[in-house]
PDB file of N, CA and C in Angstrom:
ATOM      1  N   MET A   1     100.024 -56.167 -91.771  1.00  0.00           N
ATOM      2  CA  MET A   1      99.343 -56.218 -90.492  1.00  0.00           C
ATOM      3  C   MET A   1      97.867 -55.950 -90.697  1.00  0.00           C
ATOM      4  N   SER A   2      97.078 -56.579 -89.899  1.00  0.00           N
ATOM      5  CA  SER A   2      95.639 -56.443 -89.993  1.00  0.00           C
ATOM      6  C   SER A   2      95.109 -55.808 -88.705  1.00  0.00           C
ATOM      7  N   TYR A   3      94.460 -54.660 -88.861  1.00  0.00           N
ATOM      8  CA  TYR A   3      93.918 -53.929 -87.716  1.00  0.00           C
ATOM      9  C   TYR A   3      92.411 -53.813 -87.843  1.00  0.00           C
ATOM     10  N   ILE A   4      91.715 -53.861 -86.697  1.00  0.00           N
ATOM     11  CA  ILE A   4      90.282 -53.596 -86.677  1.00  0.00           C
ATOM     12  C   ILE A   4      89.978 -52.657 -85.517  1.00  0.00           C
ATOM     13  N   CYS A   5      88.893 -51.927 -85.681  1.00  0.00           N
ATOM     14  CA  CYS A   5      88.416 -51.067 -84.596  1.00  0.00           C
ATOM     15  C   CYS A   5      87.411 -51.878 -83.779  1.00  0.00           C
ATOM     16  N   PRO A   6      87.658 -52.062 -82.489  1.00  0.00           N
ATOM     17  CA  PRO A   6      86.723 -52.846 -81.675  1.00  0.00           C
ATOM     18  C   PRO A   6      85.351 -52.189 -81.534  1.00  0.00           C
ATOM     19  N   LEU A   7      85.299 -50.870 -81.618  1.00  0.00           N
ATOM     20  CA  LEU A   7      84.021 -50.165 -81.496  1.00  0.00           C
ATOM     21  C   LEU A   7      83.210 -50.281 -82.783  1.00  0.00           C
ATOM     22  N   CYS A   8      83.865 -50.126 -83.939  1.00  0.00           N
ATOM     23  CA  CYS A   8      83.180 -50.272 -85.235  1.00  0.00           C
ATOM     24  C   CYS A   8      82.624 -51.683 -85.419  1.00  0.00           C
ATOM     25  N   ASN A   9      83.331 -52.661 -84.886  1.00  0.00           N
ATOM     26  CA  ASN A   9      82.952 -54.055 -85.064  1.00  0.00           C
ATOM     27  C   ASN A   9      82.100 -54.608 -83.928  1.00  0.00           C
ATOM     28  N   GLY A  10      81.683 -53.763 -83.003  1.00  0.00           N
ATOM     29  CA  GLY A  10      80.786 -54.170 -81.926  1.00  0.00           C
ATOM     30  C   GLY A  10      81.414 -55.105 -80.906  1.00  0.00           C
ATOM     31  N   LEU A  11      82.737 -55.051 -80.756  1.00  0.00           N
ATOM     32  CA  LEU A  11      83.426 -55.930 -79.814  1.00  0.00           C
ATOM     33  C   LEU A  11      83.521 -55.330 -78.422  1.00  0.00           C
ATOM     34  N   VAL A  12      83.314 -54.036 -78.309  1.00  0.00           N
ATOM     35  CA  VAL A  12      83.288 -53.355 -77.013  1.00  0.00           C
ATOM     36  C   VAL A  12      82.086 -52.425 -76.976  1.00  0.00           C
ATOM     37  N   VAL A  13      81.629 -52.138 -75.779  1.00  0.00           N
ATOM     38  CA  VAL A  13      80.518 -51.209 -75.583  1.00  0.00           C
ATOM     39  C   VAL A  13      81.088 -49.926 -74.999  1.00  0.00           C
ATOM     40  N   PRO A  14      80.844 -48.789 -75.656  1.00  0.00           N
ATOM     41  CA  PRO A  14      81.395 -47.538 -75.120  1.00  0.00           C
ATOM     42  C   PRO A  14      80.690 -47.151 -73.823  1.00  0.00           C
ATOM     43  N   GLU A  15      81.473 -46.982 -72.790  1.00  0.00           N
ATOM     44  CA  GLU A  15      80.945 -46.555 -71.499  1.00  0.00           C
ATOM     45  C   GLU A  15      81.787 -45.387 -71.019  1.00  0.00           C
ATOM     46  N   GLN A  16      81.436 -44.209 -71.495  1.00  0.00           N
ATOM     47  CA  GLN A  16      82.187 -43.016 -71.139  1.00  0.00           C
ATOM     48  C   GLN A  16      81.219 -41.943 -70.675  1.00  0.00           C
ATOM     49  N   ALA A  17      81.635 -41.191 -69.668  1.00  0.00           N
ATOM     50  CA  ALA A  17      80.812 -40.111 -69.142  1.00  0.00           C
ATOM     51  C   ALA A  17      81.169 -38.802 -69.827  1.00  0.00           C
ATOM     52  N   CYS A  18      80.191 -37.954 -69.976  1.00  0.00           N
ATOM     53  CA  CYS A  18      80.394 -36.617 -70.542  1.00  0.00           C
ATOM     54  C   CYS A  18      81.315 -35.825 -69.610  1.00  0.00           C
ATOM     55  N   PRO A  19      82.319 -35.149 -70.169  1.00  0.00           N
ATOM     56  CA  PRO A  19      83.226 -34.370 -69.313  1.00  0.00           C
ATOM     57  C   PRO A  19      82.561 -33.142 -68.683  1.00  0.00           C
ATOM     58  N   HIS A  20      81.380 -32.729 -69.189  1.00  0.00           N
ATOM     59  CA  HIS A  20      80.712 -31.532 -68.672  1.00  0.00           C
ATOM     60  C   HIS A  20      79.656 -31.850 -67.621  1.00  0.00           C
ATOM     61  N   CYS A  21      78.815 -32.860 -67.896  1.00  0.00           N
ATOM     62  CA  CYS A  21      77.698 -33.125 -66.972  1.00  0.00           C
ATOM     63  C   CYS A  21      77.748 -34.528 -66.366  1.00  0.00           C
ATOM     64  N   LEU A  22      78.696 -35.351 -66.777  1.00  0.00           N
ATOM     65  CA  LEU A  22      78.922 -36.708 -66.268  1.00  0.00           C
ATOM     66  C   LEU A  22      77.809 -37.703 -66.616  1.00  0.00           C
ATOM     67  N   GLN A  23      76.935 -37.336 -67.559  1.00  0.00           N
ATOM     68  CA  GLN A  23      75.933 -38.272 -68.067  1.00  0.00           C
ATOM     69  C   GLN A  23      76.600 -39.182 -69.098  1.00  0.00           C
ATOM     70  N   GLY A  24      75.951 -40.281 -69.452  1.00  0.00           N
ATOM     71  CA  GLY A  24      76.510 -41.202 -70.428  1.00  0.00           C
ATOM     72  C   GLY A  24      76.527 -40.630 -71.833  1.00  0.00           C
ATOM     73  N   LEU A  25      77.587 -40.920 -72.578  1.00  0.00           N
ATOM     74  CA  LEU A  25      77.712 -40.474 -73.962  1.00  0.00           C
ATOM     75  C   LEU A  25      77.198 -41.547 -74.907  1.00  0.00           C
ATOM     76  N   SER A  26      76.623 -41.135 -76.009  1.00  0.00           N
ATOM     77  CA  SER A  26      76.171 -42.042 -77.065  1.00  0.00           C
ATOM     78  C   SER A  26      77.213 -42.053 -78.172  1.00  0.00           C
ATOM     79  N   GLU A  27      77.502 -43.236 -78.698  1.00  0.00           N
ATOM     80  CA  GLU A  27      78.449 -43.373 -79.798  1.00  0.00           C
ATOM     81  C   GLU A  27      77.709 -43.135 -81.096  1.00  0.00           C
ATOM     82  N   CYS A  28      78.226 -42.234 -81.934  1.00  0.00           N
ATOM     83  CA  CYS A  28      77.537 -41.845 -83.168  1.00  0.00           C
ATOM     84  C   CYS A  28      78.261 -42.289 -84.429  1.00  0.00           C
ATOM     85  N   GLY A  29      79.251 -43.146 -84.320  1.00  0.00           N
ATOM     86  CA  GLY A  29      79.952 -43.665 -85.489  1.00  0.00           C
ATOM     87  C   GLY A  29      81.299 -43.022 -85.713  1.00  0.00           C
ATOM     88  N   LYS A  30      81.947 -43.463 -86.795  1.00  0.00           N
ATOM     89  CA  LYS A  30      83.266 -42.956 -87.148  1.00  0.00           C
ATOM     90  C   LYS A  30      83.183 -41.489 -87.541  1.00  0.00           C
ATOM     91  N   LEU A  31      84.167 -40.726 -87.129  1.00  0.00           N
ATOM     92  CA  LEU A  31      84.225 -39.314 -87.481  1.00  0.00           C
ATOM     93  C   LEU A  31      84.350 -39.151 -88.994  1.00  0.00           C
ATOM     94  N   ASP A  32      85.044 -40.067 -89.664  1.00  0.00           N
ATOM     95  CA  ASP A  32      85.214 -39.993 -91.120  1.00  0.00           C
ATOM     96  C   ASP A  32      83.878 -40.041 -91.854  1.00  0.00           C
ATOM     97  N   ASP A  33      82.861 -40.644 -91.267  1.00  0.00           N
ATOM     98  CA  ASP A  33      81.553 -40.735 -91.912  1.00  0.00           C
ATOM     99  C   ASP A  33      80.838 -39.384 -91.975  1.00  0.00           C
ATOM    100  N   TYR A  34      81.316 -38.404 -91.228  1.00  0.00           N
ATOM    101  CA  TYR A  34      80.681 -37.090 -91.178  1.00  0.00           C
ATOM    102  C   TYR A  34      81.410 -36.036 -92.017  1.00  0.00           C
ATOM    103  N   THR A  35      82.442 -36.435 -92.769  1.00  0.00           N
ATOM    104  CA  THR A  35      83.244 -35.446 -93.484  1.00  0.00           C
ATOM    105  C   THR A  35      82.630 -34.989 -94.790  1.00  0.00           C
ATOM    106  N   GLY A  36      81.643 -35.675 -95.321  1.00  0.00           N
ATOM    107  CA  GLY A  36      81.024 -35.262 -96.571  1.00  0.00           C
ATOM    108  C   GLY A  36      79.716 -35.988 -96.786  1.00  0.00           C
ATOM    109  N   PRO A  37      78.899 -35.523 -97.735  1.00  0.00           N
ATOM    110  CA  PRO A  37      77.580 -36.114 -97.930  1.00  0.00           C
ATOM    111  C   PRO A  37      77.610 -37.573 -98.400  1.00  0.00           C
ATOM    112  N   TYR A  38      78.676 -37.992 -99.090  1.00  0.00           N
ATOM    113  CA  TYR A  38      78.748 -39.363 -99.585  1.00  0.00           C
ATOM    114  C   TYR A  38      79.890 -40.135 -98.951  1.00  0.00           C
ATOM    115  N   SER A  39      80.452 -39.638 -97.875  1.00  0.00           N
ATOM    116  CA  SER A  39      81.606 -40.276 -97.250  1.00  0.00           C
ATOM    117  C   SER A  39      81.391 -41.737 -96.870  1.00  0.00           C
ATOM    118  N   PRO A  40      80.252 -42.124 -96.305  1.00  0.00           N
ATOM    119  CA  PRO A  40      80.089 -43.540 -95.950  1.00  0.00           C
ATOM    120  C   PRO A  40      80.070 -44.464 -97.164  1.00  0.00           C
ATOM    121  N   TYR A  41      79.847 -43.904 -98.378  1.00  0.00           N
ATOM    122  CA  TYR A  41      79.708 -44.734 -99.563  1.00  0.00           C
ATOM    123  C   TYR A  41      80.948 -44.716-100.456  1.00  0.00           C
ATOM    124  N   GLU A  42      81.951 -43.895-100.113  1.00  0.00           N
ATOM    125  CA  GLU A  42      83.165 -43.818-100.902  1.00  0.00           C
ATOM    126  C   GLU A  42      84.137 -44.912-100.473  1.00  0.00           C
ATOM    127  N   LEU A  43      85.072 -45.226-101.346  1.00  0.00           N
ATOM    128  CA  LEU A  43      86.114 -46.178-100.991  1.00  0.00           C
ATOM    129  C   LEU A  43      86.930 -45.621 -99.839  1.00  0.00           C
ATOM    130  N   GLN A  44      87.282 -46.472 -98.886  1.00  0.00           N
ATOM    131  CA  GLN A  44      87.940 -46.014 -97.675  1.00  0.00           C
ATOM    132  C   GLN A  44      89.418 -46.388 -97.610  1.00  0.00           C
ATOM    133  N   ALA A  45      90.027 -46.767 -98.718  1.00  0.00           N
ATOM    134  CA  ALA A  45      91.402 -47.256 -98.698  1.00  0.00           C
ATOM    135  C   ALA A  45      92.362 -46.228 -98.116  1.00  0.00           C
ATOM    136  N   SER A  46      92.309 -44.986 -98.565  1.00  0.00           N
ATOM    137  CA  SER A  46      93.263 -43.991 -98.081  1.00  0.00           C
ATOM    138  C   SER A  46      93.010 -43.667 -96.614  1.00  0.00           C
ATOM    139  N   SER A  47      91.753 -43.584 -96.213  1.00  0.00           N
ATOM    140  CA  SER A  47      91.418 -43.288 -94.822  1.00  0.00           C
ATOM    141  C   SER A  47      91.837 -44.426 -93.906  1.00  0.00           C
ATOM    142  N   ASP A  48      91.571 -45.674 -94.324  1.00  0.00           N
ATOM    143  CA  ASP A  48      91.934 -46.817 -93.493  1.00  0.00           C
ATOM    144  C   ASP A  48      93.443 -46.936 -93.333  1.00  0.00           C
ATOM    145  N   MET A  49      94.194 -46.654 -94.389  1.00  0.00           N
ATOM    146  CA  MET A  49      95.641 -46.736 -94.304  1.00  0.00           C
ATOM    147  C   MET A  49      96.174 -45.680 -93.344  1.00  0.00           C
ATOM    148  N   ALA A  50      95.611 -44.485 -93.384  1.00  0.00           N
ATOM    149  CA  ALA A  50      96.055 -43.428 -92.476  1.00  0.00           C
ATOM    150  C   ALA A  50      95.737 -43.812 -91.038  1.00  0.00           C
ATOM    151  N   ASP A  51      94.560 -44.395 -90.793  1.00  0.00           N
ATOM    152  CA  ASP A  51      94.180 -44.802 -89.447  1.00  0.00           C
ATOM    153  C   ASP A  51      95.087 -45.917 -88.934  1.00  0.00           C
ATOM    154  N   GLU A  52      95.495 -46.843 -89.816  1.00  0.00           N
ATOM    155  CA  GLU A  52      96.350 -47.937 -89.384  1.00  0.00           C
ATOM    156  C   GLU A  52      97.714 -47.431 -88.938  1.00  0.00           C
ATOM    157  N   THR A  53      98.231 -46.428 -89.615  1.00  0.00           N
ATOM    158  CA  THR A  53      99.537 -45.907 -89.221  1.00  0.00           C
ATOM    159  C   THR A  53      99.445 -45.182 -87.885  1.00  0.00           C
ATOM    160  N   LYS A  54      98.308 -44.576 -87.592  1.00  0.00           N
ATOM    161  CA  LYS A  54      98.111 -43.898 -86.309  1.00  0.00           C
ATOM    162  C   LYS A  54      97.625 -44.866 -85.235  1.00  0.00           C
ATOM    163  N   SER A  55      97.124 -46.021 -85.622  1.00  0.00           N
ATOM    164  CA  SER A  55      96.596 -47.049 -84.721  1.00  0.00           C
ATOM    165  C   SER A  55      95.397 -46.572 -83.916  1.00  0.00           C
ATOM    166  N   VAL A  56      94.618 -45.632 -84.468  1.00  0.00           N
ATOM    167  CA  VAL A  56      93.391 -45.185 -83.811  1.00  0.00           C
ATOM    168  C   VAL A  56      92.277 -45.041 -84.837  1.00  0.00           C
ATOM    169  N   CYS A  57      91.061 -45.142 -84.355  1.00  0.00           N
ATOM    170  CA  CYS A  57      89.868 -44.876 -85.144  1.00  0.00           C
ATOM    171  C   CYS A  57      89.076 -43.840 -84.348  1.00  0.00           C
ATOM    172  N   ASN A  58      88.899 -42.657 -84.915  1.00  0.00           N
ATOM    173  CA  ASN A  58      88.213 -41.569 -84.208  1.00  0.00           C
ATOM    174  C   ASN A  58      86.705 -41.715 -84.331  1.00  0.00           C
ATOM    175  N   HIS A  59      86.019 -41.708 -83.187  1.00  0.00           N
ATOM    176  CA  HIS A  59      84.565 -41.830 -83.137  1.00  0.00           C
ATOM    177  C   HIS A  59      83.958 -40.572 -82.534  1.00  0.00           C
ATOM    178  N   LEU A  60      82.779 -40.221 -83.022  1.00  0.00           N
ATOM    179  CA  LEU A  60      82.044 -39.083 -82.498  1.00  0.00           C
ATOM    180  C   LEU A  60      81.153 -39.561 -81.352  1.00  0.00           C
ATOM    181  N   MET A  61      81.284 -38.910 -80.208  1.00  0.00           N
ATOM    182  CA  MET A  61      80.475 -39.225 -79.034  1.00  0.00           C
ATOM    183  C   MET A  61      79.607 -38.002 -78.725  1.00  0.00           C
ATOM    184  N   TYR A  62      78.336 -38.251 -78.314  1.00  0.00           N
ATOM    185  CA  TYR A  62      77.392 -37.162 -78.108  1.00  0.00           C
ATOM    186  C   TYR A  62      76.649 -37.339 -76.790  1.00  0.00           C
ATOM    187  N   CYS A  63      76.500 -36.235 -76.078  1.00  0.00           N
ATOM    188  CA  CYS A  63      75.740 -36.223 -74.832  1.00  0.00           C
ATOM    189  C   CYS A  63      74.368 -35.608 -75.105  1.00  0.00           C
ATOM    190  N   HIS A  64      73.311 -36.385 -74.908  1.00  0.00           N
ATOM    191  CA  HIS A  64      71.960 -35.891 -75.147  1.00  0.00           C
ATOM    192  C   HIS A  64      71.501 -34.934 -74.035  1.00  0.00           C
ATOM    193  N   HIS A  65      72.130 -35.018 -72.893  1.00  0.00           N
ATOM    194  CA  HIS A  65      71.730 -34.190 -71.765  1.00  0.00           C
ATOM    195  C   HIS A  65      72.172 -32.734 -71.943  1.00  0.00           C
ATOM    196  N   CYS A  66      73.445 -32.522 -72.321  1.00  0.00           N
ATOM    197  CA  CYS A  66      73.946 -31.136 -72.452  1.00  0.00           C
ATOM    198  C   CYS A  66      74.354 -30.790 -73.885  1.00  0.00           C
ATOM    199  N   GLN A  67      74.033 -31.655 -74.843  1.00  0.00           N
ATOM    200  CA  GLN A  67      74.299 -31.441 -76.268  1.00  0.00           C
ATOM    201  C   GLN A  67      75.789 -31.187 -76.564  1.00  0.00           C
ATOM    202  N   THR A  68      76.661 -31.922 -75.898  1.00  0.00           N
ATOM    203  CA  THR A  68      78.095 -31.811 -76.109  1.00  0.00           C
ATOM    204  C   THR A  68      78.564 -32.938 -77.024  1.00  0.00           C
ATOM    205  N   SER A  69      79.421 -32.603 -77.975  1.00  0.00           N
ATOM    206  CA  SER A  69      80.034 -33.600 -78.854  1.00  0.00           C
ATOM    207  C   SER A  69      81.534 -33.620 -78.611  1.00  0.00           C
ATOM    208  N   ILE A  70      82.103 -34.822 -78.553  1.00  0.00           N
ATOM    209  CA  ILE A  70      83.542 -34.952 -78.424  1.00  0.00           C
ATOM    210  C   ILE A  70      84.014 -36.039 -79.387  1.00  0.00           C
ATOM    211  N   VAL A  71      85.289 -35.968 -79.734  1.00  0.00           N
ATOM    212  CA  VAL A  71      85.905 -36.992 -80.564  1.00  0.00           C
ATOM    213  C   VAL A  71      86.688 -37.916 -79.645  1.00  0.00           C
ATOM    214  N   GLN A  72      86.405 -39.209 -79.737  1.00  0.00           N
ATOM    215  CA  GLN A  72      87.049 -40.206 -78.893  1.00  0.00           C
ATOM    216  C   GLN A  72      87.940 -41.097 -79.750  1.00  0.00           C
ATOM    217  N   PRO A  73      89.271 -41.035 -79.593  1.00  0.00           N
ATOM    218  CA  PRO A  73      90.129 -41.957 -80.331  1.00  0.00           C
ATOM    219  C   PRO A  73      90.063 -43.353 -79.708  1.00  0.00           C
ATOM    220  N   VAL A  74      89.851 -44.367 -80.553  1.00  0.00           N
ATOM    221  CA  VAL A  74      89.765 -45.753 -80.100  1.00  0.00           C
ATOM    222  C   VAL A  74      90.971 -46.499 -80.657  1.00  0.00           C
ATOM    223  N   SER A  75      91.730 -47.151 -79.808  1.00  0.00           N
ATOM    224  CA  SER A  75      92.907 -47.899 -80.247  1.00  0.00           C
ATOM    225  C   SER A  75      92.493 -49.102 -81.078  1.00  0.00           C
ATOM    226  N   LEU A  76      93.159 -49.261 -82.223  1.00  0.00           N
ATOM    227  CA  LEU A  76      92.881 -50.403 -83.085  1.00  0.00           C
ATOM    228  C   LEU A  76      93.524 -51.657 -82.512  1.00  0.00           C
ATOM    229  N   TRP A  77      92.885 -52.801 -82.758  1.00  0.00           N
ATOM    230  CA  TRP A  77      93.433 -54.087 -82.321  1.00  0.00           C
ATOM    231  C   TRP A  77      94.202 -54.709 -83.468  1.00  0.00           C
ATOM    232  N   ASP A  78      95.389 -55.200 -83.183  1.00  0.00           N
ATOM    233  CA  ASP A  78      96.222 -55.872 -84.173  1.00  0.00           C
ATOM    234  C   ASP A  78      95.845 -57.341 -84.204  1.00  0.00           C
ATOM    235  N   LEU A  79      95.358 -57.799 -85.364  1.00  0.00           N
ATOM    236  CA  LEU A  79      94.933 -59.195 -85.506  1.00  0.00           C
ATOM    237  C   LEU A  79      95.918 -60.031 -86.292  1.00  0.00           C
ATOM    238  N   SER A  80      97.075 -59.495 -86.632  1.00  0.00           N
ATOM    239  CA  SER A  80      97.998 -60.223 -87.499  1.00  0.00           C
ATOM    240  C   SER A  80      98.483 -61.520 -86.859  1.00  0.00           C
ATOM    241  N   GLY A  81      98.610 -61.569 -85.552  1.00  0.00           N
ATOM    242  CA  GLY A  81      99.057 -62.790 -84.898  1.00  0.00           C
ATOM    243  C   GLY A  81      97.949 -63.779 -84.617  1.00  0.00           C
ATOM    244  N   ASN A  82      96.685 -63.369 -84.781  1.00  0.00           N
ATOM    245  CA  ASN A  82      95.553 -64.225 -84.449  1.00  0.00           C
ATOM    246  C   ASN A  82      94.947 -64.938 -85.643  1.00  0.00           C
ATOM    247  N   LEU A  83      95.463 -64.730 -86.837  1.00  0.00           N
ATOM    248  CA  LEU A  83      94.853 -65.322 -88.029  1.00  0.00           C
ATOM    249  C   LEU A  83      95.409 -66.680 -88.318  1.00  0.00           C
TER     250      LEU A  83
END
């Protein structure tokens, strides 16, 4: 099966309000990219396989108004039938 994250691939625009102040949240990328100093440059095979089994890609969302960070799980899209 082939899965993609619609947010990572720019197929959707995140439009979510901050749960504290109701201002718009900014998308800051995959949570996995923040786990270590070289994480964006390491092979992602084990991480991608784990995400596929869970069918989510966790993204970090940030509110510039009240400095709140939240993790937003994004459902992966199954492309196996569309190829």
